[in-house]
Amino acid sequence: MVTEAKPDIVVSYGHRFILPPEVFALPPLGAINLHISYLPWNRGADPNFWSLVESTPRGVSIHYINAGIDTGDLIARAPVELSESDTLRTSYDRLHLELRSLFAAWWPEIRKGLAPRGPQEPGGTFHLRSDRAAFEHLLAARGWDTPVRELAGLRLDHERIHERNRRHETA
């Protein structure tokens, strides 16, 4: 268990579950997350998919973990350009390559506790894993080999999603 190891820092990369507060509050240097989105856009699940469907900024981010989902202070982020010939698979691979490069560049400062810490700008987007259900039919034939150009700009009705979330919270 992480709490028994008493690490100086926790680094989360590709972890699909929410960390409990005792894990991200424990290390003296904090806990950081490596995320394949240009925060504050596409917090939560399937960030690469949503950056394509909603034509939001694409990129990678390193941020401190807090009680929110991908809402912690930013350490660094970098935009990532995709080409018309990219697929979901190649775009995902490119994002991970860029994220690992960004992390390598910032790791010395992070490790020393000297990394910058700035709030995310207001706005952005957030998605649950279930939000993608409305678009699954688009991936049925080719899955990860679906060209990104076929997904660009399809959008999700955010007002409908926010209303659903509000009803769920009050139920």
N, C-alpha and C. Protein backbone atom coordinates (compact mmCIF):
# COMPACT_ATOMS: atom_id res chain seq x y z
N MET A 1 0.84 -1.19 0.00
CA MET A 1 0.00 0.00 0.00
C MET A 1 0.87 1.24 0.00
N VAL A 2 0.45 2.25 -0.74
CA VAL A 2 1.21 3.49 -0.87
C VAL A 2 1.42 4.16 0.49
N THR A 3 0.41 4.13 1.34
CA THR A 3 0.54 4.82 2.63
C THR A 3 1.63 4.19 3.50
N GLU A 4 1.85 2.90 3.35
CA GLU A 4 2.90 2.23 4.12
C GLU A 4 4.29 2.53 3.56
N ALA A 5 4.40 2.80 2.27
CA ALA A 5 5.69 3.07 1.64
C ALA A 5 6.20 4.47 1.98
N LYS A 6 5.32 5.37 2.35
CA LYS A 6 5.67 6.76 2.67
C LYS A 6 6.55 7.42 1.60
N PRO A 7 6.04 7.51 0.38
CA PRO A 7 6.84 8.10 -0.70
C PRO A 7 6.97 9.61 -0.55
N ASP A 8 7.99 10.17 -1.17
CA ASP A 8 8.15 11.62 -1.21
C ASP A 8 7.16 12.25 -2.18
N ILE A 9 6.81 11.49 -3.22
CA ILE A 9 5.91 11.97 -4.24
C ILE A 9 5.17 10.77 -4.85
N VAL A 10 3.96 11.00 -5.31
CA VAL A 10 3.19 9.97 -6.03
C VAL A 10 3.00 10.49 -7.45
N VAL A 11 3.29 9.64 -8.42
CA VAL A 11 3.08 9.98 -9.82
C VAL A 11 2.05 9.01 -10.39
N SER A 12 0.96 9.56 -10.88
CA SER A 12 -0.11 8.76 -11.49
C SER A 12 -0.05 8.96 -13.00
N TYR A 13 -0.01 7.84 -13.71
CA TYR A 13 0.04 7.90 -15.17
C TYR A 13 -0.78 6.73 -15.72
N GLY A 14 -1.86 7.06 -16.39
CA GLY A 14 -2.71 6.03 -16.96
C GLY A 14 -3.61 5.34 -15.95
N HIS A 15 -3.70 5.88 -14.75
CA HIS A 15 -4.53 5.27 -13.71
C HIS A 15 -5.97 5.75 -13.90
N ARG A 16 -6.90 4.83 -14.07
CA ARG A 16 -8.27 5.20 -14.41
C ARG A 16 -9.20 5.35 -13.22
N PHE A 17 -8.63 5.30 -12.02
CA PHE A 17 -9.46 5.38 -10.82
C PHE A 17 -9.11 6.61 -10.01
N ILE A 18 -10.05 7.10 -9.24
CA ILE A 18 -9.83 8.27 -8.41
C ILE A 18 -9.05 7.85 -7.17
N LEU A 19 -7.96 8.57 -6.91
CA LEU A 19 -7.16 8.27 -5.72
C LEU A 19 -7.84 8.82 -4.48
N PRO A 20 -7.82 8.06 -3.39
CA PRO A 20 -8.39 8.58 -2.15
C PRO A 20 -7.50 9.68 -1.56
N PRO A 21 -8.09 10.62 -0.84
CA PRO A 21 -7.32 11.75 -0.28
C PRO A 21 -6.10 11.33 0.54
N GLU A 22 -6.18 10.22 1.24
CA GLU A 22 -5.03 9.81 2.06
C GLU A 22 -3.81 9.46 1.21
N VAL A 23 -4.03 9.13 -0.05
CA VAL A 23 -2.91 8.82 -0.95
C VAL A 23 -2.32 10.10 -1.52
N PHE A 24 -3.15 11.02 -2.04
CA PHE A 24 -2.57 12.21 -2.65
C PHE A 24 -2.17 13.27 -1.63
N ALA A 25 -2.64 13.18 -0.40
CA ALA A 25 -2.25 14.15 0.63
C ALA A 25 -1.02 13.69 1.41
N LEU A 26 -0.66 12.44 1.31
CA LEU A 26 0.43 11.85 2.09
C LEU A 26 1.83 12.35 1.74
N PRO A 27 2.24 12.31 0.48
CA PRO A 27 3.64 12.63 0.18
C PRO A 27 3.97 14.11 0.38
N PRO A 28 5.12 14.40 0.96
CA PRO A 28 5.49 15.80 1.21
C PRO A 28 5.59 16.64 -0.07
N LEU A 29 5.95 16.03 -1.20
CA LEU A 29 6.04 16.76 -2.47
C LEU A 29 4.74 16.69 -3.26
N GLY A 30 3.72 16.06 -2.70
CA GLY A 30 2.42 15.99 -3.35
C GLY A 30 2.27 14.79 -4.26
N ALA A 31 1.18 14.78 -4.97
CA ALA A 31 0.88 13.73 -5.95
C ALA A 31 0.56 14.43 -7.26
N ILE A 32 1.11 13.89 -8.34
CA ILE A 32 0.87 14.50 -9.64
C ILE A 32 0.27 13.47 -10.59
N ASN A 33 -0.41 13.99 -11.58
CA ASN A 33 -1.04 13.15 -12.59
C ASN A 33 -0.55 13.60 -13.96
N LEU A 34 -0.27 12.63 -14.81
CA LEU A 34 0.10 12.87 -16.20
C LEU A 34 -1.15 12.56 -17.02
N HIS A 35 -1.66 13.55 -17.74
CA HIS A 35 -2.97 13.43 -18.38
C HIS A 35 -2.87 13.80 -19.86
N ILE A 36 -3.49 12.99 -20.72
CA ILE A 36 -3.42 13.25 -22.16
C ILE A 36 -4.53 14.19 -22.62
N SER A 37 -4.58 15.33 -21.97
CA SER A 37 -5.45 16.40 -22.45
C SER A 37 -4.80 17.73 -22.13
N TYR A 38 -5.25 18.76 -22.80
CA TYR A 38 -4.76 20.11 -22.57
C TYR A 38 -5.73 20.75 -21.57
N LEU A 39 -5.46 20.50 -20.29
CA LEU A 39 -6.36 20.95 -19.24
C LEU A 39 -6.51 22.47 -19.27
N PRO A 40 -7.73 22.96 -19.02
CA PRO A 40 -8.86 22.30 -18.37
C PRO A 40 -9.81 21.55 -19.31
N TRP A 41 -9.46 21.40 -20.56
CA TRP A 41 -10.34 20.70 -21.49
C TRP A 41 -10.18 19.20 -21.34
N ASN A 42 -11.31 18.52 -21.41
CA ASN A 42 -11.36 17.06 -21.45
C ASN A 42 -10.86 16.40 -20.18
N ARG A 43 -11.31 16.93 -19.07
CA ARG A 43 -11.06 16.26 -17.80
C ARG A 43 -11.85 14.96 -17.80
N GLY A 44 -11.39 14.01 -17.01
CA GLY A 44 -12.12 12.76 -16.88
C GLY A 44 -11.75 11.74 -17.94
N ALA A 45 -12.75 10.99 -18.35
CA ALA A 45 -12.54 9.82 -19.23
C ALA A 45 -12.37 10.20 -20.69
N ASP A 46 -11.59 9.41 -21.40
CA ASP A 46 -11.43 9.48 -22.86
C ASP A 46 -11.06 10.86 -23.38
N PRO A 47 -10.04 11.49 -22.80
CA PRO A 47 -9.73 12.87 -23.21
C PRO A 47 -9.34 13.01 -24.68
N ASN A 48 -8.63 12.07 -25.23
CA ASN A 48 -8.24 12.15 -26.64
C ASN A 48 -9.49 12.13 -27.53
N PHE A 49 -10.37 11.21 -27.27
CA PHE A 49 -11.61 11.09 -28.03
C PHE A 49 -12.38 12.41 -28.02
N TRP A 50 -12.54 13.01 -26.83
CA TRP A 50 -13.34 14.22 -26.71
C TRP A 50 -12.68 15.42 -27.36
N SER A 51 -11.35 15.48 -27.33
CA SER A 51 -10.68 16.61 -28.00
C SER A 51 -10.97 16.59 -29.50
N LEU A 52 -11.15 15.40 -30.06
CA LEU A 52 -11.47 15.27 -31.47
C LEU A 52 -12.94 15.59 -31.74
N VAL A 53 -13.81 14.94 -30.99
CA VAL A 53 -15.26 15.08 -31.21
C VAL A 53 -15.72 16.51 -30.99
N GLU A 54 -15.16 17.17 -29.99
CA GLU A 54 -15.62 18.51 -29.65
C GLU A 54 -14.69 19.62 -30.14
N SER A 55 -13.68 19.23 -30.87
CA SER A 55 -12.73 20.22 -31.42
C SER A 55 -12.20 21.16 -30.35
N THR A 56 -11.84 20.60 -29.22
CA THR A 56 -11.25 21.38 -28.13
C THR A 56 -9.72 21.29 -28.25
N PRO A 57 -9.01 22.14 -27.53
CA PRO A 57 -7.55 22.09 -27.61
C PRO A 57 -7.02 20.69 -27.29
N ARG A 58 -6.04 20.26 -28.07
CA ARG A 58 -5.43 18.94 -27.86
C ARG A 58 -4.05 19.14 -27.26
N GLY A 59 -3.72 18.27 -26.35
CA GLY A 59 -2.40 18.36 -25.76
C GLY A 59 -2.26 17.44 -24.58
N VAL A 60 -1.23 17.72 -23.79
CA VAL A 60 -0.92 16.91 -22.61
C VAL A 60 -0.66 17.84 -21.43
N SER A 61 -0.91 17.33 -20.23
CA SER A 61 -0.76 18.15 -19.02
C SER A 61 -0.19 17.33 -17.88
N ILE A 62 0.55 18.02 -17.03
CA ILE A 62 0.99 17.46 -15.75
C ILE A 62 0.39 18.37 -14.69
N HIS A 63 -0.33 17.77 -13.76
CA HIS A 63 -0.98 18.59 -12.73
C HIS A 63 -0.95 17.89 -11.38
N TYR A 64 -1.08 18.70 -10.34
CA TYR A 64 -1.19 18.16 -8.99
C TYR A 64 -2.57 17.53 -8.83
N ILE A 65 -2.63 16.48 -8.07
CA ILE A 65 -3.89 15.80 -7.80
C ILE A 65 -4.54 16.45 -6.59
N ASN A 66 -5.83 16.74 -6.73
CA ASN A 66 -6.63 17.24 -5.61
C ASN A 66 -7.91 16.42 -5.55
N ALA A 67 -8.88 16.87 -4.79
CA ALA A 67 -10.11 16.10 -4.62
C ALA A 67 -10.99 16.08 -5.87
N GLY A 68 -10.80 17.00 -6.79
CA GLY A 68 -11.57 17.02 -8.03
C GLY A 68 -10.99 16.06 -9.06
N ILE A 69 -11.67 15.90 -10.16
CA ILE A 69 -11.19 15.03 -11.23
C ILE A 69 -10.45 15.89 -12.25
N ASP A 70 -9.14 15.74 -12.25
CA ASP A 70 -8.25 16.47 -13.17
C ASP A 70 -8.40 17.98 -13.03
N THR A 71 -8.59 18.46 -11.80
CA THR A 71 -8.79 19.89 -11.55
C THR A 71 -7.64 20.53 -10.80
N GLY A 72 -6.62 19.78 -10.44
CA GLY A 72 -5.52 20.31 -9.65
C GLY A 72 -4.67 21.32 -10.40
N ASP A 73 -3.85 22.04 -9.63
CA ASP A 73 -2.96 23.05 -10.19
C ASP A 73 -2.04 22.44 -11.25
N LEU A 74 -1.79 23.23 -12.28
CA LEU A 74 -0.94 22.79 -13.38
C LEU A 74 0.54 22.98 -13.05
N ILE A 75 1.32 22.01 -13.48
CA ILE A 75 2.77 22.13 -13.48
C ILE A 75 3.21 22.55 -14.88
N ALA A 76 2.73 21.83 -15.88
CA ALA A 76 3.10 22.10 -17.27
C ALA A 76 2.07 21.48 -18.19
N ARG A 77 1.99 22.03 -19.39
CA ARG A 77 1.15 21.45 -20.43
C ARG A 77 1.74 21.84 -21.78
N ALA A 78 1.40 21.06 -22.77
CA ALA A 78 1.91 21.33 -24.12
C ALA A 78 0.85 20.96 -25.13
N PRO A 79 0.63 21.81 -26.13
CA PRO A 79 -0.31 21.47 -27.20
C PRO A 79 0.29 20.38 -28.08
N VAL A 80 -0.59 19.58 -28.68
CA VAL A 80 -0.16 18.52 -29.60
C VAL A 80 -1.01 18.63 -30.86
N GLU A 81 -0.36 18.75 -31.98
CA GLU A 81 -1.04 18.81 -33.27
C GLU A 81 -1.20 17.40 -33.83
N LEU A 82 -2.33 17.16 -34.45
CA LEU A 82 -2.59 15.89 -35.13
C LEU A 82 -2.74 16.17 -36.61
N SER A 83 -2.56 15.14 -37.40
CA SER A 83 -2.72 15.30 -38.84
C SER A 83 -4.00 14.61 -39.30
N GLU A 84 -4.44 14.93 -40.48
CA GLU A 84 -5.63 14.32 -41.08
C GLU A 84 -5.47 12.82 -41.25
N SER A 85 -4.22 12.35 -41.35
CA SER A 85 -3.99 10.92 -41.55
C SER A 85 -3.96 10.14 -40.23
N ASP A 86 -4.01 10.84 -39.10
CA ASP A 86 -4.01 10.14 -37.81
C ASP A 86 -5.29 9.36 -37.59
N THR A 87 -5.16 8.32 -36.80
CA THR A 87 -6.30 7.53 -36.33
C THR A 87 -6.38 7.72 -34.82
N LEU A 88 -7.41 7.17 -34.21
CA LEU A 88 -7.44 7.20 -32.75
C LEU A 88 -6.17 6.59 -32.17
N ARG A 89 -5.73 5.49 -32.74
CA ARG A 89 -4.53 4.80 -32.24
C ARG A 89 -3.28 5.66 -32.38
N THR A 90 -3.05 6.22 -33.56
CA THR A 90 -1.83 7.01 -33.75
C THR A 90 -1.87 8.30 -32.95
N SER A 91 -3.05 8.89 -32.80
CA SER A 91 -3.16 10.11 -32.00
C SER A 91 -2.90 9.81 -30.53
N TYR A 92 -3.43 8.71 -30.06
CA TYR A 92 -3.21 8.28 -28.67
C TYR A 92 -1.72 8.03 -28.43
N ASP A 93 -1.07 7.35 -29.36
CA ASP A 93 0.36 7.08 -29.24
C ASP A 93 1.16 8.38 -29.24
N ARG A 94 0.80 9.32 -30.12
CA ARG A 94 1.49 10.61 -30.18
C ARG A 94 1.33 11.37 -28.87
N LEU A 95 0.12 11.38 -28.32
CA LEU A 95 -0.11 12.08 -27.05
C LEU A 95 0.74 11.47 -25.93
N HIS A 96 0.80 10.16 -25.87
CA HIS A 96 1.60 9.53 -24.82
C HIS A 96 3.09 9.80 -25.00
N LEU A 97 3.57 9.83 -26.21
CA LEU A 97 4.97 10.16 -26.48
C LEU A 97 5.27 11.58 -26.01
N GLU A 98 4.39 12.51 -26.36
CA GLU A 98 4.57 13.90 -25.93
C GLU A 98 4.49 14.05 -24.42
N LEU A 99 3.59 13.30 -23.79
CA LEU A 99 3.45 13.38 -22.34
C LEU A 99 4.70 12.86 -21.64
N ARG A 100 5.24 11.75 -22.11
CA ARG A 100 6.47 11.22 -21.52
C ARG A 100 7.63 12.20 -21.70
N SER A 101 7.68 12.85 -22.83
CA SER A 101 8.73 13.85 -23.08
C SER A 101 8.57 15.05 -22.15
N LEU A 102 7.34 15.52 -21.98
CA LEU A 102 7.08 16.64 -21.07
C LEU A 102 7.45 16.27 -19.64
N PHE A 103 7.11 15.07 -19.23
CA PHE A 103 7.44 14.60 -17.88
C PHE A 103 8.96 14.52 -17.69
N ALA A 104 9.67 13.99 -18.67
CA ALA A 104 11.13 13.89 -18.58
C ALA A 104 11.75 15.28 -18.42
N ALA A 105 11.21 16.26 -19.12
CA ALA A 105 11.74 17.62 -19.04
C ALA A 105 11.49 18.24 -17.66
N TRP A 106 10.34 17.94 -17.07
CA TRP A 106 9.97 18.57 -15.80
C TRP A 106 10.35 17.75 -14.57
N TRP A 107 10.67 16.47 -14.73
CA TRP A 107 10.93 15.60 -13.58
C TRP A 107 11.99 16.16 -12.62
N PRO A 108 13.12 16.68 -13.09
CA PRO A 108 14.10 17.20 -12.12
C PRO A 108 13.52 18.26 -11.18
N GLU A 109 12.73 19.18 -11.73
CA GLU A 109 12.12 20.22 -10.89
C GLU A 109 11.02 19.64 -9.99
N ILE A 110 10.24 18.72 -10.53
CA ILE A 110 9.19 18.08 -9.74
C ILE A 110 9.81 17.34 -8.56
N ARG A 111 10.86 16.58 -8.83
CA ARG A 111 11.52 15.75 -7.81
C ARG A 111 12.12 16.60 -6.69
N LYS A 112 12.58 17.80 -7.04
CA LYS A 112 13.16 18.71 -6.03
C LYS A 112 12.09 19.52 -5.29
N GLY A 113 10.85 19.40 -5.71
CA GLY A 113 9.79 20.20 -5.10
C GLY A 113 9.78 21.63 -5.60
N LEU A 114 10.38 21.88 -6.75
CA LEU A 114 10.50 23.23 -7.30
C LEU A 114 9.63 23.46 -8.53
N ALA A 115 8.77 22.54 -8.84
CA ALA A 115 7.91 22.68 -10.02
C ALA A 115 6.91 23.81 -9.80
N PRO A 116 6.58 24.53 -10.87
CA PRO A 116 5.57 25.59 -10.73
C PRO A 116 4.21 25.00 -10.38
N ARG A 117 3.37 25.84 -9.87
CA ARG A 117 2.03 25.41 -9.48
C ARG A 117 1.08 26.56 -9.76
N GLY A 118 0.27 26.40 -10.80
CA GLY A 118 -0.67 27.46 -11.17
C GLY A 118 -2.06 26.91 -11.40
N PRO A 119 -3.07 27.68 -11.03
CA PRO A 119 -4.45 27.20 -11.21
C PRO A 119 -4.79 27.06 -12.69
N GLN A 120 -5.68 26.13 -12.96
CA GLN A 120 -6.20 25.99 -14.32
C GLN A 120 -7.15 27.16 -14.60
N GLU A 121 -7.18 27.58 -15.85
CA GLU A 121 -8.10 28.66 -16.18
C GLU A 121 -9.54 28.14 -16.07
N PRO A 122 -10.49 29.04 -15.90
CA PRO A 122 -11.89 28.63 -15.79
C PRO A 122 -12.38 27.99 -17.09
N GLY A 123 -13.43 27.23 -16.96
CA GLY A 123 -14.04 26.61 -18.14
C GLY A 123 -13.52 25.22 -18.38
N GLY A 124 -13.41 24.87 -19.63
CA GLY A 124 -12.98 23.52 -19.97
C GLY A 124 -14.16 22.58 -20.08
N THR A 125 -13.86 21.30 -20.15
CA THR A 125 -14.91 20.29 -20.28
C THR A 125 -14.59 19.10 -19.40
N PHE A 126 -15.59 18.29 -19.14
CA PHE A 126 -15.46 17.10 -18.31
C PHE A 126 -16.36 16.01 -18.90
N HIS A 127 -15.86 14.77 -18.87
CA HIS A 127 -16.65 13.66 -19.42
C HIS A 127 -16.55 12.42 -18.54
N LEU A 128 -17.67 11.76 -18.43
CA LEU A 128 -17.72 10.45 -17.79
C LEU A 128 -17.49 9.39 -18.87
N ARG A 129 -17.11 8.23 -18.47
CA ARG A 129 -16.93 7.12 -19.41
C ARG A 129 -18.23 6.86 -20.18
N SER A 130 -19.36 6.98 -19.49
CA SER A 130 -20.65 6.70 -20.12
C SER A 130 -21.04 7.72 -21.19
N ASP A 131 -20.43 8.90 -21.20
CA ASP A 131 -20.76 9.92 -22.19
C ASP A 131 -20.44 9.46 -23.61
N ARG A 132 -19.48 8.56 -23.75
CA ARG A 132 -19.06 8.11 -25.07
C ARG A 132 -20.09 7.19 -25.73
N ALA A 133 -21.04 6.68 -24.97
CA ALA A 133 -22.02 5.72 -25.50
C ALA A 133 -22.75 6.27 -26.73
N ALA A 134 -23.03 7.56 -26.74
CA ALA A 134 -23.75 8.16 -27.86
C ALA A 134 -22.95 8.12 -29.16
N PHE A 135 -21.66 7.83 -29.07
CA PHE A 135 -20.79 7.83 -30.26
C PHE A 135 -20.19 6.47 -30.56
N GLU A 136 -20.50 5.46 -29.78
CA GLU A 136 -19.90 4.14 -29.97
C GLU A 136 -20.13 3.59 -31.38
N HIS A 137 -21.27 3.90 -31.97
CA HIS A 137 -21.55 3.39 -33.32
C HIS A 137 -20.52 3.87 -34.33
N LEU A 138 -19.91 5.02 -34.08
CA LEU A 138 -18.89 5.55 -34.99
C LEU A 138 -17.60 4.74 -34.95
N LEU A 139 -17.41 4.01 -33.87
CA LEU A 139 -16.18 3.23 -33.69
C LEU A 139 -16.39 1.75 -33.99
N ALA A 140 -17.60 1.37 -34.27
CA ALA A 140 -17.94 -0.05 -34.42
C ALA A 140 -17.14 -0.74 -35.51
N ALA A 141 -16.98 -0.12 -36.65
CA ALA A 141 -16.32 -0.78 -37.79
C ALA A 141 -14.80 -0.87 -37.62
N ARG A 142 -14.17 0.24 -37.17
CA ARG A 142 -12.71 0.27 -37.15
C ARG A 142 -12.09 0.48 -35.78
N GLY A 143 -12.89 0.77 -34.77
CA GLY A 143 -12.36 0.93 -33.42
C GLY A 143 -11.21 1.93 -33.36
N TRP A 144 -10.07 1.50 -32.82
CA TRP A 144 -8.90 2.36 -32.66
C TRP A 144 -8.32 2.83 -34.00
N ASP A 145 -8.68 2.18 -35.09
CA ASP A 145 -8.17 2.57 -36.40
C ASP A 145 -9.09 3.57 -37.11
N THR A 146 -10.07 4.10 -36.40
CA THR A 146 -10.96 5.12 -36.94
C THR A 146 -10.16 6.40 -37.20
N PRO A 147 -10.23 6.94 -38.41
CA PRO A 147 -9.52 8.19 -38.69
C PRO A 147 -10.07 9.34 -37.85
N VAL A 148 -9.17 10.18 -37.35
CA VAL A 148 -9.60 11.30 -36.50
C VAL A 148 -10.49 12.26 -37.28
N ARG A 149 -10.30 12.38 -38.58
CA ARG A 149 -11.12 13.31 -39.39
C ARG A 149 -12.59 12.92 -39.37
N GLU A 150 -12.90 11.64 -39.10
CA GLU A 150 -14.30 11.20 -39.05
C GLU A 150 -14.96 11.56 -37.72
N LEU A 151 -14.17 11.95 -36.74
CA LEU A 151 -14.72 12.27 -35.43
C LEU A 151 -14.75 13.77 -35.16
N ALA A 152 -14.04 14.53 -35.94
CA ALA A 152 -13.87 15.95 -35.68
C ALA A 152 -15.19 16.71 -35.67
N GLY A 153 -15.41 17.43 -34.59
CA GLY A 153 -16.51 18.37 -34.51
C GLY A 153 -17.90 17.79 -34.35
N LEU A 154 -18.05 16.56 -33.88
CA LEU A 154 -19.39 15.96 -33.75
C LEU A 154 -20.15 16.50 -32.54
N ARG A 155 -19.46 16.79 -31.48
CA ARG A 155 -19.98 17.42 -30.25
C ARG A 155 -21.01 16.58 -29.49
N LEU A 156 -21.07 16.86 -28.23
CA LEU A 156 -22.03 16.25 -27.30
C LEU A 156 -22.88 17.37 -26.74
N ASP A 157 -24.12 17.11 -26.51
CA ASP A 157 -25.01 18.11 -25.94
C ASP A 157 -24.68 18.26 -24.46
N HIS A 158 -23.79 19.22 -24.14
CA HIS A 158 -23.33 19.40 -22.76
C HIS A 158 -24.46 19.82 -21.83
N GLU A 159 -25.39 20.61 -22.29
CA GLU A 159 -26.48 21.02 -21.42
C GLU A 159 -27.29 19.80 -20.97
N ARG A 160 -27.52 18.87 -21.91
CA ARG A 160 -28.23 17.64 -21.55
C ARG A 160 -27.43 16.84 -20.53
N ILE A 161 -26.13 16.76 -20.71
CA ILE A 161 -25.27 16.01 -19.79
C ILE A 161 -25.25 16.67 -18.42
N HIS A 162 -25.12 18.01 -18.36
CA HIS A 162 -25.10 18.70 -17.08
C HIS A 162 -26.43 18.53 -16.34
N GLU A 163 -27.53 18.57 -17.07
CA GLU A 163 -28.84 18.37 -16.45
C GLU A 163 -28.94 16.95 -15.88
N ARG A 164 -28.47 15.97 -16.64
CA ARG A 164 -28.47 14.59 -16.16
C ARG A 164 -27.64 14.47 -14.88
N ASN A 165 -26.48 15.10 -14.86
CA ASN A 165 -25.62 15.04 -13.67
C ASN A 165 -26.28 15.70 -12.48
N ARG A 166 -26.97 16.83 -12.68
CA ARG A 166 -27.66 17.51 -11.59
C ARG A 166 -28.77 16.62 -11.03
N ARG A 167 -29.51 15.95 -11.93
CA ARG A 167 -30.59 15.06 -11.45
C ARG A 167 -29.98 13.89 -10.66
N HIS A 168 -28.87 13.38 -11.11
CA HIS A 168 -28.21 12.26 -10.45
C HIS A 168 -27.73 12.67 -9.05
N GLU A 169 -27.20 13.90 -8.90
CA GLU A 169 -26.69 14.37 -7.63
C GLU A 169 -27.80 14.58 -6.60
N THR A 170 -29.01 14.95 -7.05
CA THR A 170 -30.10 15.21 -6.13
C THR A 170 -30.96 13.98 -5.84
N ALA A 171 -30.71 12.90 -6.57
CA ALA A 171 -31.51 11.69 -6.39
C ALA A 171 -31.11 10.94 -5.13
